[in-house]
């Protein structure tokens, strides 16, 4: 089912600030929870665009649509609340495929429920590419693949 990524400056209206070591666990949980019946919402700081890209790759591999909701406040206000994390925040950019579609929400804004619903339920997911596919090697071919890899390594070391 669709995936919603919520991100924003520290104290911009999101629930909590997650630590660096939590990102791997969050990514694993998203991957585990994505299915055809549920909407998965990750409400965390999500300030690193590389992390948002990794989550995009997961949704792409799962062939499910996704969107990003950016809780926007002024940079000055966010820096006043938490300068250290504010300086590390990489703002979402709708021109980047992993941040699109992007919904920028300011504190005084109403959520655009219809647009978000349309993005999640009426939009085709991005097609998976070779990097996001799990290509299982057939059992009868494993030995052949390992032999080829071993041969290549031996030739490079010769």
N, C-alpha and C. Protein backbone atom coordinates (compact mmCIF):
# COMPACT_ATOMS: atom_id res chain seq x y z
N UNK A 1 0.84 -1.18 0.00
CA UNK A 1 0.00 0.00 0.00
C UNK A 1 0.89 1.24 0.00
N UNK A 2 0.31 2.37 -0.18
CA UNK A 2 1.08 3.62 -0.28
C UNK A 2 1.88 3.94 0.98
N UNK A 3 2.88 4.76 0.75
CA UNK A 3 3.81 5.18 1.81
C UNK A 3 3.79 6.69 1.91
N UNK A 4 3.68 7.23 3.11
CA UNK A 4 3.71 8.67 3.36
C UNK A 4 4.91 8.96 4.24
N UNK A 5 5.78 9.84 3.77
CA UNK A 5 6.95 10.25 4.54
C UNK A 5 6.74 11.66 5.03
N UNK A 6 6.77 11.86 6.35
CA UNK A 6 6.60 13.18 6.94
C UNK A 6 7.98 13.65 7.38
N UNK A 7 8.35 14.87 6.95
CA UNK A 7 9.64 15.41 7.36
C UNK A 7 9.48 16.88 7.69
N UNK A 8 10.47 17.45 8.36
CA UNK A 8 10.42 18.87 8.68
C UNK A 8 11.54 19.25 9.60
N UNK A 9 11.72 20.55 9.72
CA UNK A 9 12.73 21.07 10.63
C UNK A 9 12.41 20.62 12.05
N UNK A 10 13.41 20.58 12.91
CA UNK A 10 13.15 20.24 14.31
C UNK A 10 12.09 21.17 14.89
N UNK A 11 11.16 20.62 15.63
CA UNK A 11 10.09 21.35 16.31
C UNK A 11 9.13 22.04 15.34
N UNK A 12 9.01 21.52 14.12
CA UNK A 12 8.13 22.14 13.13
C UNK A 12 6.70 21.61 13.21
N UNK A 13 6.44 20.78 14.18
CA UNK A 13 5.10 20.24 14.31
C UNK A 13 5.08 18.73 14.19
N UNK A 14 6.22 18.13 14.12
CA UNK A 14 6.31 16.68 14.04
C UNK A 14 6.36 16.11 15.44
N UNK A 15 6.21 14.81 15.55
CA UNK A 15 6.08 14.19 16.86
C UNK A 15 7.36 14.13 17.67
N UNK A 16 8.46 13.66 17.09
CA UNK A 16 9.67 13.49 17.87
C UNK A 16 10.89 13.53 16.99
N UNK A 17 12.03 13.74 17.61
CA UNK A 17 13.30 13.75 16.90
C UNK A 17 13.97 12.40 17.12
N UNK A 18 14.27 11.72 16.02
CA UNK A 18 14.89 10.41 16.11
C UNK A 18 16.41 10.55 15.99
N UNK A 19 17.13 9.70 16.66
CA UNK A 19 18.59 9.72 16.62
C UNK A 19 19.12 8.98 15.42
N UNK A 20 20.38 9.22 15.11
CA UNK A 20 21.02 8.64 13.92
C UNK A 20 20.91 7.12 13.88
N UNK A 21 21.14 6.47 14.99
CA UNK A 21 21.14 5.00 15.00
C UNK A 21 19.74 4.41 14.80
N UNK A 22 18.72 5.22 14.92
CA UNK A 22 17.35 4.75 14.74
C UNK A 22 16.99 4.60 13.26
N UNK A 23 17.68 5.33 12.37
CA UNK A 23 17.31 5.33 10.95
C UNK A 23 17.29 3.93 10.34
N UNK A 24 18.27 3.12 10.65
CA UNK A 24 18.30 1.75 10.12
C UNK A 24 17.10 0.95 10.57
N UNK A 25 16.73 1.10 11.83
CA UNK A 25 15.56 0.39 12.34
C UNK A 25 14.28 0.91 11.69
N UNK A 26 14.20 2.22 11.48
CA UNK A 26 13.02 2.78 10.83
C UNK A 26 12.89 2.25 9.41
N UNK A 27 14.01 2.23 8.68
CA UNK A 27 14.00 1.74 7.31
C UNK A 27 13.56 0.27 7.27
N UNK A 28 14.09 -0.53 8.18
CA UNK A 28 13.71 -1.94 8.23
C UNK A 28 12.22 -2.12 8.53
N UNK A 29 11.71 -1.31 9.43
CA UNK A 29 10.29 -1.40 9.77
C UNK A 29 9.41 -1.00 8.60
N UNK A 30 9.79 0.05 7.88
CA UNK A 30 9.03 0.45 6.70
C UNK A 30 9.01 -0.69 5.70
N UNK A 31 10.16 -1.28 5.46
CA UNK A 31 10.26 -2.38 4.50
C UNK A 31 9.41 -3.57 4.95
N UNK A 32 9.40 -3.84 6.23
CA UNK A 32 8.63 -4.97 6.76
C UNK A 32 7.13 -4.70 6.69
N UNK A 33 6.72 -3.46 6.91
CA UNK A 33 5.30 -3.14 7.01
C UNK A 33 4.62 -2.86 5.67
N UNK A 34 5.38 -2.51 4.64
CA UNK A 34 4.75 -2.21 3.36
C UNK A 34 4.06 -3.46 2.81
N UNK A 35 2.77 -3.32 2.49
CA UNK A 35 2.00 -4.41 1.91
C UNK A 35 0.87 -3.82 1.08
N UNK A 36 0.02 -4.66 0.55
CA UNK A 36 -1.04 -4.19 -0.34
C UNK A 36 -2.28 -3.70 0.41
N UNK A 37 -2.32 -3.84 1.72
CA UNK A 37 -3.54 -3.51 2.46
C UNK A 37 -3.43 -2.29 3.37
N UNK A 38 -2.23 -1.83 3.69
CA UNK A 38 -2.06 -0.78 4.68
C UNK A 38 -1.33 0.43 4.13
N UNK A 39 -1.60 1.59 4.72
CA UNK A 39 -0.82 2.80 4.44
C UNK A 39 0.22 2.90 5.54
N UNK A 40 1.46 3.08 5.17
CA UNK A 40 2.55 3.22 6.14
C UNK A 40 2.93 4.70 6.19
N UNK A 41 2.91 5.28 7.39
CA UNK A 41 3.30 6.68 7.57
C UNK A 41 4.52 6.71 8.48
N UNK A 42 5.61 7.30 7.98
CA UNK A 42 6.82 7.45 8.78
C UNK A 42 6.95 8.91 9.18
N UNK A 43 6.63 9.20 10.44
CA UNK A 43 6.69 10.55 10.97
C UNK A 43 7.92 10.64 11.85
N UNK A 44 9.00 11.06 11.24
CA UNK A 44 10.28 11.19 11.92
C UNK A 44 10.95 12.43 11.35
N UNK A 45 12.13 12.76 11.80
CA UNK A 45 12.79 13.97 11.31
C UNK A 45 13.05 13.89 9.80
N UNK A 46 13.55 12.76 9.32
CA UNK A 46 13.75 12.52 7.88
C UNK A 46 14.42 13.69 7.18
N UNK A 47 15.45 14.25 7.80
CA UNK A 47 16.08 15.46 7.29
C UNK A 47 17.21 15.17 6.30
N UNK A 48 17.61 13.93 6.15
CA UNK A 48 18.71 13.60 5.25
C UNK A 48 18.12 13.10 3.94
N UNK A 49 18.44 13.80 2.83
CA UNK A 49 17.83 13.42 1.56
C UNK A 49 18.25 12.02 1.13
N UNK A 50 19.45 11.58 1.49
CA UNK A 50 19.89 10.22 1.17
C UNK A 50 19.01 9.18 1.84
N UNK A 51 18.56 9.46 3.06
CA UNK A 51 17.66 8.54 3.77
C UNK A 51 16.30 8.53 3.08
N UNK A 52 15.81 9.71 2.67
CA UNK A 52 14.55 9.76 1.93
C UNK A 52 14.67 8.99 0.62
N UNK A 53 15.82 9.07 -0.02
CA UNK A 53 16.03 8.33 -1.27
C UNK A 53 16.01 6.82 -1.01
N UNK A 54 16.64 6.38 0.07
CA UNK A 54 16.62 4.95 0.40
C UNK A 54 15.18 4.46 0.61
N UNK A 55 14.37 5.26 1.28
CA UNK A 55 12.97 4.89 1.49
C UNK A 55 12.21 4.89 0.16
N UNK A 56 12.53 5.82 -0.72
CA UNK A 56 11.92 5.84 -2.06
C UNK A 56 12.26 4.54 -2.80
N UNK A 57 13.50 4.10 -2.71
CA UNK A 57 13.90 2.86 -3.38
C UNK A 57 13.13 1.66 -2.84
N UNK A 58 12.85 1.66 -1.54
CA UNK A 58 12.07 0.58 -0.95
C UNK A 58 10.66 0.58 -1.51
N UNK A 59 10.02 1.76 -1.57
CA UNK A 59 8.66 1.81 -2.10
C UNK A 59 8.65 1.45 -3.58
N UNK A 60 9.69 1.84 -4.29
CA UNK A 60 9.78 1.51 -5.71
C UNK A 60 9.90 -0.01 -5.89
N UNK A 61 10.72 -0.63 -5.08
CA UNK A 61 10.87 -2.09 -5.15
C UNK A 61 9.57 -2.80 -4.80
N UNK A 62 8.79 -2.20 -3.89
CA UNK A 62 7.51 -2.79 -3.49
C UNK A 62 6.38 -2.41 -4.45
N UNK A 63 6.69 -1.63 -5.46
CA UNK A 63 5.72 -1.21 -6.48
C UNK A 63 4.51 -0.53 -5.85
N UNK A 64 4.79 0.43 -4.93
CA UNK A 64 3.72 1.16 -4.27
C UNK A 64 3.97 2.67 -4.39
N UNK A 65 2.90 3.46 -4.52
CA UNK A 65 3.09 4.91 -4.59
C UNK A 65 3.54 5.46 -3.25
N UNK A 66 4.08 6.67 -3.29
CA UNK A 66 4.52 7.32 -2.07
C UNK A 66 4.41 8.82 -2.26
N UNK A 67 4.42 9.57 -1.17
CA UNK A 67 4.47 11.02 -1.22
C UNK A 67 5.25 11.51 -0.01
N UNK A 68 5.66 12.78 -0.06
CA UNK A 68 6.39 13.41 1.04
C UNK A 68 5.56 14.60 1.53
N UNK A 69 5.36 14.69 2.82
CA UNK A 69 4.70 15.84 3.42
C UNK A 69 5.76 16.58 4.23
N UNK A 70 6.03 17.82 3.85
CA UNK A 70 7.06 18.64 4.49
C UNK A 70 6.39 19.64 5.43
N UNK A 71 6.62 19.52 6.72
CA UNK A 71 6.09 20.43 7.73
C UNK A 71 6.99 21.67 7.75
N UNK A 72 6.58 22.72 7.08
CA UNK A 72 7.43 23.89 6.87
C UNK A 72 7.19 24.96 7.92
N UNK A 73 8.28 25.43 8.50
CA UNK A 73 8.30 26.64 9.33
C UNK A 73 9.49 27.44 8.83
N UNK A 74 9.61 28.69 9.26
CA UNK A 74 10.75 29.48 8.81
C UNK A 74 12.05 28.89 9.35
N UNK A 75 13.11 29.03 8.59
CA UNK A 75 14.41 28.52 9.02
C UNK A 75 14.85 29.19 10.31
N UNK A 76 14.52 30.47 10.45
CA UNK A 76 14.89 31.21 11.66
C UNK A 76 14.20 30.62 12.90
N UNK A 77 12.91 30.32 12.77
CA UNK A 77 12.16 29.75 13.88
C UNK A 77 12.69 28.36 14.24
N UNK A 78 12.95 27.55 13.21
CA UNK A 78 13.48 26.21 13.45
C UNK A 78 14.85 26.27 14.10
N UNK A 79 15.70 27.21 13.65
CA UNK A 79 17.03 27.36 14.24
C UNK A 79 16.93 27.82 15.69
N UNK A 80 15.96 28.64 15.98
CA UNK A 80 15.74 29.10 17.35
C UNK A 80 15.39 27.91 18.25
N UNK A 81 14.63 26.95 17.73
CA UNK A 81 14.21 25.79 18.51
C UNK A 81 15.31 24.75 18.63
N UNK A 82 16.07 24.54 17.57
CA UNK A 82 17.09 23.49 17.59
C UNK A 82 18.12 23.74 16.49
N UNK A 83 19.10 24.57 16.78
CA UNK A 83 20.06 25.01 15.77
C UNK A 83 20.90 23.87 15.21
N UNK A 84 21.34 22.95 16.05
CA UNK A 84 22.24 21.87 15.59
C UNK A 84 21.58 21.01 14.51
N UNK A 85 20.37 20.54 14.77
CA UNK A 85 19.68 19.72 13.77
C UNK A 85 19.23 20.54 12.57
N UNK A 86 18.88 21.78 12.80
CA UNK A 86 18.45 22.65 11.70
C UNK A 86 19.54 22.80 10.66
N UNK A 87 20.78 22.91 11.10
CA UNK A 87 21.90 23.10 10.18
C UNK A 87 22.11 21.87 9.31
N UNK A 88 21.71 20.70 9.77
CA UNK A 88 21.91 19.46 9.01
C UNK A 88 20.73 19.11 8.10
N UNK A 89 19.63 19.84 8.22
CA UNK A 89 18.43 19.50 7.47
C UNK A 89 18.60 19.78 5.98
N UNK A 90 18.26 18.79 5.15
CA UNK A 90 18.28 18.94 3.69
C UNK A 90 16.83 19.00 3.22
N UNK A 91 16.39 20.20 2.87
CA UNK A 91 14.99 20.44 2.53
C UNK A 91 14.57 19.62 1.31
N UNK A 92 13.37 19.03 1.36
CA UNK A 92 12.88 18.27 0.20
C UNK A 92 12.76 19.15 -1.03
N UNK A 93 12.94 18.55 -2.19
CA UNK A 93 12.88 19.26 -3.47
C UNK A 93 12.00 18.43 -4.40
N UNK A 94 10.91 19.01 -4.85
CA UNK A 94 9.96 18.25 -5.68
C UNK A 94 10.55 17.84 -7.02
N UNK A 95 11.68 18.42 -7.41
CA UNK A 95 12.35 18.00 -8.65
C UNK A 95 13.10 16.68 -8.49
N UNK A 96 13.32 16.26 -7.25
CA UNK A 96 13.97 14.98 -7.00
C UNK A 96 12.88 13.92 -6.91
N UNK A 97 13.03 12.84 -7.65
CA UNK A 97 11.96 11.83 -7.72
C UNK A 97 11.61 11.24 -6.36
N UNK A 98 12.55 11.18 -5.44
CA UNK A 98 12.25 10.58 -4.13
C UNK A 98 11.52 11.55 -3.22
N UNK A 99 11.46 12.83 -3.58
CA UNK A 99 10.71 13.81 -2.79
C UNK A 99 9.43 14.24 -3.52
N UNK A 100 9.00 13.45 -4.47
CA UNK A 100 7.84 13.84 -5.27
C UNK A 100 6.82 12.71 -5.28
N UNK A 101 5.52 13.01 -5.17
CA UNK A 101 4.97 14.35 -5.01
C UNK A 101 5.25 14.90 -3.61
N UNK A 102 5.43 16.20 -3.56
CA UNK A 102 5.78 16.89 -2.31
C UNK A 102 4.65 17.82 -1.91
N UNK A 103 4.23 17.72 -0.68
CA UNK A 103 3.22 18.62 -0.13
C UNK A 103 3.88 19.43 0.98
N UNK A 104 4.01 20.74 0.77
CA UNK A 104 4.62 21.63 1.75
C UNK A 104 3.50 22.22 2.60
N UNK A 105 3.54 21.96 3.89
CA UNK A 105 2.49 22.37 4.80
C UNK A 105 3.05 23.36 5.82
N UNK A 106 2.50 24.57 5.84
CA UNK A 106 2.89 25.59 6.83
C UNK A 106 1.95 25.48 8.03
N UNK A 107 2.37 26.00 9.19
CA UNK A 107 1.56 25.83 10.41
C UNK A 107 0.10 26.27 10.26
N UNK A 108 -0.15 27.28 9.47
CA UNK A 108 -1.51 27.80 9.32
C UNK A 108 -2.31 27.05 8.24
N UNK A 109 -1.68 26.14 7.51
CA UNK A 109 -2.32 25.44 6.40
C UNK A 109 -3.18 24.27 6.86
N UNK A 110 -4.20 23.99 6.08
CA UNK A 110 -4.99 22.76 6.22
C UNK A 110 -4.29 21.70 5.37
N UNK A 111 -4.33 20.46 5.80
CA UNK A 111 -3.77 19.38 4.97
C UNK A 111 -4.61 19.24 3.70
N UNK A 112 -3.97 19.13 2.53
CA UNK A 112 -4.72 18.94 1.29
C UNK A 112 -5.10 17.45 1.13
N UNK A 113 -6.06 17.02 1.91
CA UNK A 113 -6.43 15.60 1.97
C UNK A 113 -6.73 15.01 0.60
N UNK A 114 -7.49 15.73 -0.22
CA UNK A 114 -7.85 15.19 -1.54
C UNK A 114 -6.64 15.00 -2.42
N UNK A 115 -5.71 15.96 -2.40
CA UNK A 115 -4.50 15.84 -3.22
C UNK A 115 -3.61 14.70 -2.73
N UNK A 116 -3.49 14.57 -1.42
CA UNK A 116 -2.68 13.47 -0.85
C UNK A 116 -3.32 12.13 -1.20
N UNK A 117 -4.63 12.04 -1.05
CA UNK A 117 -5.34 10.81 -1.40
C UNK A 117 -5.14 10.47 -2.88
N UNK A 118 -5.24 11.48 -3.73
CA UNK A 118 -5.03 11.26 -5.17
C UNK A 118 -3.62 10.75 -5.44
N UNK A 119 -2.63 11.35 -4.78
CA UNK A 119 -1.23 10.94 -4.98
C UNK A 119 -1.00 9.50 -4.53
N UNK A 120 -1.72 9.06 -3.51
CA UNK A 120 -1.51 7.73 -2.96
C UNK A 120 -2.34 6.64 -3.65
N UNK A 121 -3.53 7.00 -4.10
CA UNK A 121 -4.43 5.96 -4.61
C UNK A 121 -4.71 6.03 -6.10
N UNK A 122 -4.46 7.16 -6.74
CA UNK A 122 -4.77 7.30 -8.16
C UNK A 122 -3.53 7.52 -9.01
N UNK A 123 -2.39 7.30 -8.46
CA UNK A 123 -1.13 7.51 -9.16
C UNK A 123 -0.40 6.19 -9.25
N UNK A 124 0.18 5.93 -10.39
CA UNK A 124 0.94 4.69 -10.55
C UNK A 124 2.25 4.78 -9.77
N UNK A 125 2.66 3.70 -9.15
CA UNK A 125 3.96 3.70 -8.47
C UNK A 125 5.07 3.75 -9.50
N UNK A 126 6.24 4.23 -9.10
CA UNK A 126 7.36 4.21 -10.05
C UNK A 126 7.73 2.78 -10.39
N UNK A 127 8.10 2.52 -11.64
CA UNK A 127 8.47 1.15 -12.00
C UNK A 127 9.78 0.77 -11.33
N UNK A 128 9.89 -0.46 -10.87
CA UNK A 128 11.15 -0.88 -10.26
C UNK A 128 12.24 -0.94 -11.32
N UNK A 129 13.46 -0.72 -10.89
CA UNK A 129 14.57 -0.87 -11.82
C UNK A 129 15.49 -1.97 -11.30
N UNK A 130 16.55 -2.25 -12.03
CA UNK A 130 17.43 -3.37 -11.66
C UNK A 130 17.99 -3.20 -10.26
N UNK A 131 18.26 -1.96 -9.83
CA UNK A 131 18.86 -1.74 -8.52
C UNK A 131 17.90 -2.06 -7.39
N UNK A 132 16.58 -2.02 -7.65
CA UNK A 132 15.62 -2.27 -6.59
C UNK A 132 14.97 -3.64 -6.68
N UNK A 133 15.39 -4.47 -7.61
CA UNK A 133 14.82 -5.80 -7.77
C UNK A 133 15.65 -6.84 -7.04
N UNK A 134 14.97 -7.82 -6.50
CA UNK A 134 15.62 -8.98 -5.90
C UNK A 134 15.63 -10.09 -6.94
N UNK A 135 16.76 -10.30 -7.56
CA UNK A 135 16.88 -11.35 -8.55
C UNK A 135 17.51 -12.57 -7.90
N UNK A 136 16.66 -13.51 -7.54
CA UNK A 136 17.15 -14.72 -6.89
C UNK A 136 17.88 -15.59 -7.92
N UNK A 137 19.02 -16.12 -7.53
CA UNK A 137 19.76 -17.02 -8.40
C UNK A 137 19.16 -18.41 -8.24
N UNK A 138 18.79 -19.07 -9.33
CA UNK A 138 18.24 -20.42 -9.21
C UNK A 138 19.25 -21.35 -8.53
N UNK A 139 18.74 -22.28 -7.77
CA UNK A 139 19.60 -23.19 -7.01
C UNK A 139 20.59 -23.92 -7.91
N UNK A 140 20.16 -24.33 -9.11
CA UNK A 140 21.05 -25.09 -9.98
C UNK A 140 22.17 -24.21 -10.54
N UNK A 141 22.01 -22.88 -10.47
CA UNK A 141 23.01 -21.99 -11.06
C UNK A 141 23.96 -21.38 -10.06
N UNK A 142 23.73 -21.59 -8.78
CA UNK A 142 24.58 -20.98 -7.77
C UNK A 142 26.03 -21.39 -7.93
N UNK A 143 26.27 -22.65 -8.13
CA UNK A 143 27.65 -23.14 -8.26
C UNK A 143 28.31 -22.50 -9.47
N UNK A 144 27.58 -22.37 -10.57
CA UNK A 144 28.12 -21.75 -11.78
C UNK A 144 28.49 -20.30 -11.51
N UNK A 145 27.62 -19.56 -10.84
CA UNK A 145 27.89 -18.15 -10.53
C UNK A 145 29.10 -18.04 -9.62
N UNK A 146 29.16 -18.85 -8.59
CA UNK A 146 30.29 -18.82 -7.67
C UNK A 146 31.59 -19.17 -8.38
N UNK A 147 31.53 -20.12 -9.29
CA UNK A 147 32.72 -20.50 -10.06
C UNK A 147 33.20 -19.34 -10.91
N UNK A 148 32.27 -18.64 -11.55
CA UNK A 148 32.62 -17.48 -12.38
C UNK A 148 33.23 -16.36 -11.55
N UNK A 149 32.63 -16.09 -10.38
CA UNK A 149 33.15 -15.04 -9.51
C UNK A 149 34.55 -15.42 -9.03
N UNK A 150 34.73 -16.67 -8.63
CA UNK A 150 36.03 -17.14 -8.17
C UNK A 150 37.07 -17.01 -9.28
N UNK A 151 36.68 -17.35 -10.50
CA UNK A 151 37.58 -17.27 -11.65
C UNK A 151 38.00 -15.82 -11.91
N UNK A 152 37.04 -14.90 -11.83
CA UNK A 152 37.33 -13.47 -12.05
C UNK A 152 38.29 -12.97 -11.00
N UNK A 153 38.05 -13.33 -9.74
CA UNK A 153 38.93 -12.89 -8.64
C UNK A 153 40.34 -13.43 -8.84
N UNK A 154 40.42 -14.70 -9.23
CA UNK A 154 41.73 -15.31 -9.43
C UNK A 154 42.48 -14.64 -10.58
N UNK A 155 41.75 -14.29 -11.65
CA UNK A 155 42.40 -13.63 -12.79
C UNK A 155 42.89 -12.24 -12.42
N UNK A 156 42.12 -11.52 -11.58
CA UNK A 156 42.53 -10.18 -11.16
C UNK A 156 43.74 -10.22 -10.26
N UNK A 157 43.88 -11.27 -9.46
CA UNK A 157 45.00 -11.39 -8.53
C UNK A 157 46.24 -11.99 -9.17
N UNK A 158 46.11 -12.49 -10.39
CA UNK A 158 47.25 -13.14 -11.07
C UNK A 158 48.22 -12.11 -11.62
